[in-house]
Amino acid sequence: MTPSVSRVFLLLLLFSLLTSSLLYFNLSGPTLSLLKHQQHVPKRNISILLWHWPFGRSFRLRGDKCLSKYNISGCLLSDNTSTLPAADVVVFHHQELSGDHSLLPLHRDRPASQHWVWMSMEPPINNVNLSQLNGLFNWTMSYRRDADISVPYGQTLLGGDGHVFTPAPNRSCLVSWVVSRYHPKQARSAVYQSLKKYVPIQVYGRWNKRPLSERKLLPTISKCLFYLSFENSEATDYISEKLWRNAFQAGVVPVVLGPRKATYEALAPPGSFIHVSDFRSTAGLAAYLKHVAADMKEYEKFFQWHQTHRIKTYTHWIERLCQICVQYPSLKPNKVYEHLEDWVHS
């Protein structure tokens, strides 16, 4: 090695050592500590207090239910009302408030940062005495898409199994309907009374003293080709388990009555249902059902969505509560419903 080459090699070695020393100095002091801190900053837990269980049916909340059951972290649920001062969010189910708003903890101090949620999965007609709740709630929790916390009965997701769903052949029944609360003045009652003149309808439920247990519900419906997914109220976005569970999970074609057709098209799988409004009369609807039932290729078209889509149902109150934490970052912190009734009936 010549002297000139040795000097160049020595200079490169010194430069490398100097660079390494500077890098170590920069990262071994406050900068390194900050990086380590940032990597281990825990996500702040959101504490949610359920003031009373909907319809009096309670479930155990011990442990991190949102994480263990639904893989939602940083979400702590409680039904212990003594923890009110420490709760980030307090949820009140309307059914229990409608008869006696004194059940609200209005006599107790409410932290300025605490948010109260009005929750109901019922259509507007079933939400009474709302005026007494004006100016108390920050957020709404409902099946509606425009609720602050939207928790639908079900939703359509992209990504099917890529296979053609083949409905069971040789079904023993054409149309079925499960109804427990029958009221003659409801729109669904009028459609049923007229439709049954043209096609046989197997009816189950408490109304005609033929109730079905949870275990027998879907197997019974699955024996039919069509199911009457008739809502008890024609309200904005109100599409209940009558579609998502009773029809879709039973593997039958739903005949729907509820919100306008455009709502079903926006929320349900494409080409998956028959809307009553498409027919001028129940005679026309009945004729169409018979036509589809007689042509299996036509019938199977209502199941093509399985190739590209899937559905998810929300049936448990705990999962609904966990959704608050999922949507929490996007919620408006300073919102107050001064006229709750106006929103509910909008």
Protein backbone atom coordinates (compact mmCIF):
# COMPACT_ATOMS: atom_id res chain seq x y z
CA MET A 1 0.00 0.00 0.00
CA THR A 2 1.52 3.36 -1.02
CA PRO A 3 1.69 6.29 1.46
CA SER A 4 -0.99 8.22 -0.46
CA VAL A 5 -3.38 5.29 -0.41
CA SER A 6 -2.72 4.79 3.32
CA ARG A 7 -3.60 8.41 4.05
CA VAL A 8 -6.89 8.12 2.12
CA PHE A 9 -7.80 4.91 3.94
CA LEU A 10 -7.00 6.54 7.32
CA LEU A 11 -9.14 9.59 6.53
CA LEU A 12 -12.10 7.37 5.55
CA LEU A 13 -11.75 5.40 8.78
CA LEU A 14 -11.67 8.56 10.90
CA PHE A 15 -14.74 9.93 9.08
CA SER A 16 -16.64 6.70 9.70
CA LEU A 17 -15.79 6.72 13.41
CA LEU A 18 -16.80 10.38 13.74
CA THR A 19 -20.15 9.77 12.02
CA SER A 20 -20.92 6.77 14.23
CA SER A 21 -20.11 8.78 17.35
CA LEU A 22 -22.39 11.62 16.34
CA LEU A 23 -25.23 9.22 15.52
CA TYR A 24 -24.85 7.49 18.87
CA PHE A 25 -24.77 10.81 20.70
CA ASN A 26 -27.96 12.02 19.02
CA LEU A 27 -29.91 8.83 19.74
CA SER A 28 -28.55 8.02 23.18
CA GLY A 29 -29.83 11.21 24.77
CA PRO A 30 -33.29 12.81 24.80
CA THR A 31 -34.07 11.81 21.20
CA LEU A 32 -33.68 8.11 21.89
CA SER A 33 -35.75 8.40 25.05
CA LEU A 34 -38.51 10.17 23.11
CA LEU A 35 -38.56 7.47 20.42
CA LYS A 36 -38.77 4.74 23.01
CA HIS A 37 -41.58 6.61 24.77
CA GLN A 38 -43.54 7.09 21.55
CA GLN A 39 -43.37 3.38 20.78
CA HIS A 40 -44.83 2.46 24.14
CA VAL A 41 -47.46 5.17 24.67
CA PRO A 42 -50.59 3.21 25.56
CA LYS A 43 -53.85 4.04 23.82
CA ARG A 44 -56.17 5.77 26.27
CA ASN A 45 -59.00 3.56 27.37
CA ILE A 46 -62.54 4.79 26.78
CA SER A 47 -64.78 3.99 29.75
CA ILE A 48 -68.43 3.40 28.89
CA LEU A 49 -71.12 3.13 31.54
CA LEU A 50 -74.43 1.50 30.67
CA TRP A 51 -76.88 3.11 33.05
CA HIS A 52 -79.54 0.41 32.74
CA TRP A 53 -79.76 -2.74 30.68
CA PRO A 54 -82.21 -2.61 27.74
CA PHE A 55 -85.47 -4.34 28.60
CA GLY A 56 -83.98 -5.57 31.87
CA ARG A 57 -81.85 -8.31 30.26
CA SER A 58 -78.35 -8.11 31.68
CA PHE A 59 -75.05 -9.72 30.73
CA ARG A 60 -71.79 -10.02 32.63
CA LEU A 61 -69.29 -7.30 31.80
CA ARG A 62 -66.40 -8.58 33.89
CA GLY A 63 -63.09 -8.40 32.03
CA ASP A 64 -62.30 -6.73 28.72
CA LYS A 65 -65.33 -7.92 26.76
CA CYS A 66 -64.71 -5.72 23.72
CA LEU A 67 -61.22 -7.12 23.25
CA SER A 68 -61.92 -10.75 24.07
CA LYS A 69 -65.16 -11.05 22.08
CA TYR A 70 -64.79 -8.51 19.25
CA ASN A 71 -61.06 -7.65 19.11
CA ILE A 72 -61.75 -3.98 19.94
CA SER A 73 -59.06 -2.62 22.24
CA GLY A 74 -59.13 0.32 24.64
CA CYS A 75 -62.84 -0.01 25.39
CA LEU A 76 -63.93 -0.70 28.95
CA LEU A 77 -67.60 -1.42 29.68
CA SER A 78 -69.36 -1.20 33.02
CA ASP A 79 -72.89 -1.28 34.41
CA ASN A 80 -71.80 -0.17 37.89
CA THR A 81 -73.58 3.16 38.36
CA SER A 82 -71.23 4.15 41.20
CA THR A 83 -68.55 4.74 38.56
CA LEU A 84 -70.56 7.59 37.00
CA PRO A 85 -68.06 10.38 37.83
CA ALA A 86 -65.22 8.55 36.06
CA ALA A 87 -67.11 7.49 32.91
CA ASP A 88 -66.22 9.04 29.56
CA VAL A 89 -69.55 7.98 28.05
CA VAL A 90 -72.86 7.12 29.73
CA VAL A 91 -75.46 5.24 27.68
CA PHE A 92 -79.21 5.41 28.39
CA HIS A 93 -81.68 3.12 26.65
CA HIS A 94 -84.87 4.97 25.83
CA GLN A 95 -87.38 2.28 26.73
CA GLU A 96 -86.49 2.59 30.41
CA LEU A 97 -86.60 6.40 30.29
CA SER A 98 -89.85 6.79 28.37
CA GLY A 99 -92.03 6.10 31.38
CA ASP A 100 -89.95 7.82 34.05
CA HIS A 101 -87.20 10.30 33.17
CA SER A 102 -86.39 10.58 36.89
CA LEU A 103 -84.25 7.49 36.32
CA LEU A 104 -81.68 9.87 34.88
CA PRO A 105 -78.94 10.89 37.37
CA LEU A 106 -79.80 14.57 37.08
CA HIS A 107 -79.21 15.08 40.81
CA ARG A 108 -75.57 14.01 40.54
CA ASP A 109 -72.62 16.03 39.35
CA ARG A 110 -71.86 15.54 35.68
CA PRO A 111 -68.25 16.10 34.57
CA ALA A 112 -67.94 18.63 31.75
CA SER A 113 -66.04 16.14 29.60
CA GLN A 114 -68.61 13.36 30.03
CA HIS A 115 -70.90 12.52 27.11
CA TRP A 116 -74.41 11.12 27.41
CA VAL A 117 -75.78 8.85 24.70
CA TRP A 118 -79.46 8.34 23.90
CA MET A 119 -79.88 4.82 22.54
CA SER A 120 -82.83 3.16 20.83
CA MET A 121 -83.15 0.41 18.23
CA GLU A 122 -86.90 1.02 17.89
CA PRO A 123 -88.69 2.99 15.14
CA PRO A 124 -89.95 6.48 16.05
CA ILE A 125 -93.49 5.33 16.80
CA ASN A 126 -92.16 3.35 19.78
CA ASN A 127 -90.06 6.20 21.20
CA VAL A 128 -92.47 8.23 23.32
CA ASN A 129 -92.10 11.13 25.79
CA LEU A 130 -89.02 12.54 24.10
CA SER A 131 -89.61 16.19 24.93
CA GLN A 132 -88.63 15.61 28.55
CA LEU A 133 -85.13 14.67 27.36
CA ASN A 134 -84.30 17.88 25.49
CA GLY A 135 -80.89 19.40 26.14
CA LEU A 136 -79.53 16.36 27.99
CA PHE A 137 -77.86 14.18 25.37
CA ASN A 138 -74.72 14.71 23.32
CA TRP A 139 -74.97 11.78 20.95
CA THR A 140 -77.59 9.45 19.48
CA MET A 141 -77.12 5.72 19.05
CA SER A 142 -79.46 4.02 16.62
CA TYR A 143 -79.86 1.85 13.51
CA ARG A 144 -80.06 5.04 11.46
CA ARG A 145 -77.17 5.94 9.19
CA ASP A 146 -77.21 9.55 10.38
CA ALA A 147 -77.03 8.66 14.08
CA ASP A 148 -73.88 9.82 15.82
CA ILE A 149 -73.18 6.18 16.63
CA SER A 150 -74.73 4.04 13.91
CA VAL A 151 -75.38 0.44 14.94
CA PRO A 152 -77.57 -1.21 12.28
CA TYR A 153 -79.17 -4.59 12.73
CA GLY A 154 -76.97 -5.78 9.91
CA GLN A 155 -74.76 -4.58 7.11
CA THR A 156 -73.52 -5.69 3.73
CA LEU A 157 -69.78 -6.17 3.28
CA LEU A 158 -67.70 -6.67 0.18
CA GLY A 159 -66.09 -10.05 -0.27
CA GLY A 160 -68.12 -13.15 -0.89
CA ASP A 161 -66.94 -16.73 -0.89
CA GLY A 162 -66.70 -16.82 -4.68
CA HIS A 163 -69.15 -19.70 -4.89
CA VAL A 164 -72.70 -19.81 -6.14
CA PHE A 165 -75.10 -20.25 -3.25
CA THR A 166 -77.48 -23.09 -4.06
CA PRO A 167 -80.77 -22.95 -2.14
CA ALA A 168 -82.17 -26.21 -0.88
CA PRO A 169 -84.46 -27.80 -3.48
CA ASN A 170 -87.95 -29.21 -3.00
CA ARG A 171 -89.04 -26.86 -0.26
CA SER A 172 -92.38 -27.67 1.30
CA CYS A 173 -93.69 -24.13 1.63
CA LEU A 174 -93.98 -21.08 -0.61
CA VAL A 175 -94.15 -18.15 1.83
CA SER A 176 -93.72 -17.81 5.59
CA TRP A 177 -94.10 -14.99 8.08
CA VAL A 178 -93.20 -14.76 11.76
CA VAL A 179 -95.11 -12.08 13.66
CA SER A 180 -95.75 -11.60 17.35
CA ARG A 181 -97.19 -8.08 17.57
CA TYR A 182 -99.94 -7.88 15.00
CA HIS A 183 -101.92 -4.67 14.66
CA PRO A 184 -104.66 -4.46 12.01
CA LYS A 185 -103.94 -0.80 11.24
CA GLN A 186 -100.31 -1.41 10.25
CA ALA A 187 -99.41 -1.36 6.57
CA ARG A 188 -97.90 -4.83 6.79
CA SER A 189 -101.18 -6.23 8.11
CA ALA A 190 -103.13 -4.89 5.14
CA VAL A 191 -100.61 -6.36 2.68
CA TYR A 192 -100.70 -9.73 4.43
CA GLN A 193 -104.50 -9.91 4.51
CA SER A 194 -104.65 -9.19 0.80
CA LEU A 195 -101.70 -11.35 -0.25
CA LYS A 196 -102.98 -14.47 1.50
CA LYS A 197 -105.97 -14.49 -0.85
CA TYR A 198 -103.62 -15.39 -3.72
CA VAL A 199 -100.83 -17.49 -2.18
CA PRO A 200 -100.59 -19.74 0.89
CA ILE A 201 -98.66 -18.17 3.76
CA GLN A 202 -97.39 -20.14 6.75
CA VAL A 203 -97.67 -17.81 9.77
CA TYR A 204 -95.83 -18.30 13.05
CA GLY A 205 -95.39 -16.27 16.20
CA ARG A 206 -97.23 -15.30 19.35
CA TRP A 207 -99.97 -13.59 17.35
CA ASN A 208 -101.49 -16.86 16.11
CA LYS A 209 -100.20 -18.92 19.05
CA ARG A 210 -97.53 -20.67 16.99
CA PRO A 211 -94.35 -19.30 18.58
CA LEU A 212 -90.93 -20.48 17.43
CA SER A 213 -87.96 -20.92 19.72
CA GLU A 214 -84.60 -19.46 18.70
CA ARG A 215 -83.48 -22.99 17.86
CA LYS A 216 -86.42 -23.64 15.55
CA LEU A 217 -86.75 -20.19 13.96
CA LEU A 218 -84.30 -20.42 11.05
CA PRO A 219 -84.86 -24.13 10.26
CA THR A 220 -88.60 -23.47 10.00
CA ILE A 221 -88.20 -20.44 7.74
CA SER A 222 -85.67 -22.29 5.56
CA LYS A 223 -88.36 -24.75 4.49
CA CYS A 224 -89.97 -21.98 2.43
CA LEU A 225 -88.95 -20.17 -0.75
CA PHE A 226 -89.90 -16.66 0.39
CA TYR A 227 -90.14 -14.84 3.70
CA LEU A 228 -92.19 -11.74 4.48
CA SER A 229 -89.63 -9.36 5.96
CA PHE A 230 -92.33 -6.86 6.86
CA GLU A 231 -91.34 -4.11 9.29
CA ASN A 232 -93.89 -2.87 11.82
CA SER A 233 -93.08 0.70 10.83
CA GLU A 234 -92.08 2.41 7.60
CA ALA A 235 -89.34 4.59 9.07
CA THR A 236 -86.03 6.00 7.88
CA ASP A 237 -83.40 3.23 7.63
CA TYR A 238 -85.44 0.90 9.84
CA ILE A 239 -84.47 -2.55 8.53
CA SER A 240 -84.47 -5.01 11.39
CA GLU A 241 -83.53 -8.62 12.03
CA LYS A 242 -86.55 -9.62 9.93
CA LEU A 243 -84.30 -9.16 6.90
CA TRP A 244 -80.75 -9.70 8.20
CA ARG A 245 -81.44 -12.77 10.33
CA ASN A 246 -84.84 -14.26 9.51
CA ALA A 247 -84.46 -14.16 5.73
CA PHE A 248 -80.76 -14.01 4.87
CA GLN A 249 -79.52 -16.43 7.52
CA ALA A 250 -82.33 -18.86 6.71
CA GLY A 251 -81.32 -18.81 3.03
CA VAL A 252 -84.65 -17.62 1.60
CA VAL A 253 -85.67 -14.70 -0.59
CA PRO A 254 -87.07 -11.80 1.45
CA VAL A 255 -90.19 -9.94 0.35
CA VAL A 256 -89.65 -6.57 2.03
CA LEU A 257 -91.91 -3.83 3.31
CA GLY A 258 -90.47 -0.94 5.30
CA PRO A 259 -88.37 2.00 4.09
CA ARG A 260 -88.44 2.96 0.45
CA LYS A 261 -86.77 0.69 -2.06
CA ALA A 262 -83.74 2.99 -2.44
CA THR A 263 -82.87 2.37 1.22
CA TYR A 264 -82.86 -1.39 0.74
CA GLU A 265 -80.76 -0.98 -2.42
CA ALA A 266 -78.23 1.06 -0.43
CA LEU A 267 -78.03 -1.31 2.54
CA ALA A 268 -78.90 -4.86 1.45
CA PRO A 269 -76.85 -7.08 -0.89
CA PRO A 270 -77.50 -6.31 -4.57
CA GLY A 271 -80.38 -8.21 -6.15
CA SER A 272 -81.24 -9.98 -2.92
CA PHE A 273 -84.84 -8.95 -2.24
CA ILE A 274 -88.31 -8.28 -3.65
CA HIS A 275 -89.87 -4.95 -2.64
CA VAL A 276 -93.63 -4.72 -2.28
CA SER A 277 -93.65 -1.24 -3.85
CA ASP A 278 -92.62 -2.68 -7.22
CA PHE A 279 -96.14 -4.06 -7.70
CA ARG A 280 -99.39 -2.23 -8.29
CA SER A 281 -101.33 -4.84 -6.36
CA THR A 282 -100.84 -7.85 -4.14
CA ALA A 283 -102.27 -9.92 -6.99
CA GLY A 284 -99.33 -8.81 -9.10
CA LEU A 285 -96.90 -9.61 -6.30
CA ALA A 286 -98.44 -13.06 -5.84
CA ALA A 287 -98.21 -13.78 -9.58
CA TYR A 288 -94.52 -12.84 -9.55
CA LEU A 289 -93.78 -15.08 -6.55
CA LYS A 290 -95.42 -18.00 -8.31
CA HIS A 291 -93.44 -17.28 -11.48
CA VAL A 292 -90.11 -17.21 -9.66
CA ALA A 293 -90.98 -20.31 -7.64
CA ALA A 294 -91.65 -22.23 -10.86
CA ASP A 295 -88.30 -21.29 -12.42
CA MET A 296 -85.33 -22.32 -10.29
CA LYS A 297 -82.89 -20.35 -12.45
CA GLU A 298 -84.87 -17.19 -11.77
CA TYR A 299 -85.01 -18.03 -8.07
CA GLU A 300 -81.26 -18.62 -7.83
CA LYS A 301 -80.55 -15.14 -9.23
CA PHE A 302 -81.54 -13.75 -5.82
CA PHE A 303 -78.53 -15.52 -4.30
CA GLN A 304 -75.82 -14.42 -6.73
CA TRP A 305 -74.72 -11.77 -4.24
CA HIS A 306 -73.04 -14.49 -2.19
CA GLN A 307 -70.23 -14.54 -4.77
CA THR A 308 -69.28 -10.90 -4.17
CA HIS A 309 -70.77 -9.88 -0.82
CA ARG A 310 -71.45 -11.14 2.67
CA ILE A 311 -73.54 -9.88 5.55
CA LYS A 312 -72.76 -9.16 9.18
CA THR A 313 -75.43 -8.99 11.85
CA TYR A 314 -75.31 -7.06 15.12
CA THR A 315 -77.47 -8.84 17.66
CA HIS A 316 -75.74 -8.46 21.02
CA TRP A 317 -75.94 -5.34 23.18
CA ILE A 318 -72.31 -5.73 24.22
CA GLU A 319 -71.11 -5.58 20.62
CA ARG A 320 -73.21 -2.49 20.03
CA LEU A 321 -71.65 -0.80 23.06
CA CYS A 322 -68.16 -1.69 21.84
CA GLN A 323 -68.94 0.14 18.59
CA ILE A 324 -68.97 3.40 20.55
CA CYS A 325 -65.20 3.09 20.97
CA VAL A 326 -64.71 2.35 17.29
CA GLN A 327 -66.57 5.51 16.30
CA TYR A 328 -65.44 7.64 19.27
CA PRO A 329 -62.57 9.48 17.51
CA SER A 330 -64.93 10.91 14.86
CA LEU A 331 -67.68 12.07 17.26
CA LYS A 332 -68.28 15.78 17.81
CA PRO A 333 -67.37 16.54 21.45
CA ASN A 334 -69.49 19.69 21.89
CA LYS A 335 -72.77 18.47 20.41
CA VAL A 336 -76.06 18.73 22.35
CA TYR A 337 -79.55 17.68 21.23
CA GLU A 338 -81.70 20.58 22.34
CA HIS A 339 -84.72 19.08 20.55
CA LEU A 340 -84.21 15.31 20.54
CA GLU A 341 -87.75 14.64 19.32
CA ASP A 342 -87.11 16.58 16.12
CA TRP A 343 -84.20 14.31 15.22
CA VAL A 344 -86.00 11.09 16.12
CA HIS A 345 -88.96 11.96 13.90
CA SER A 346 -86.93 13.44 11.05
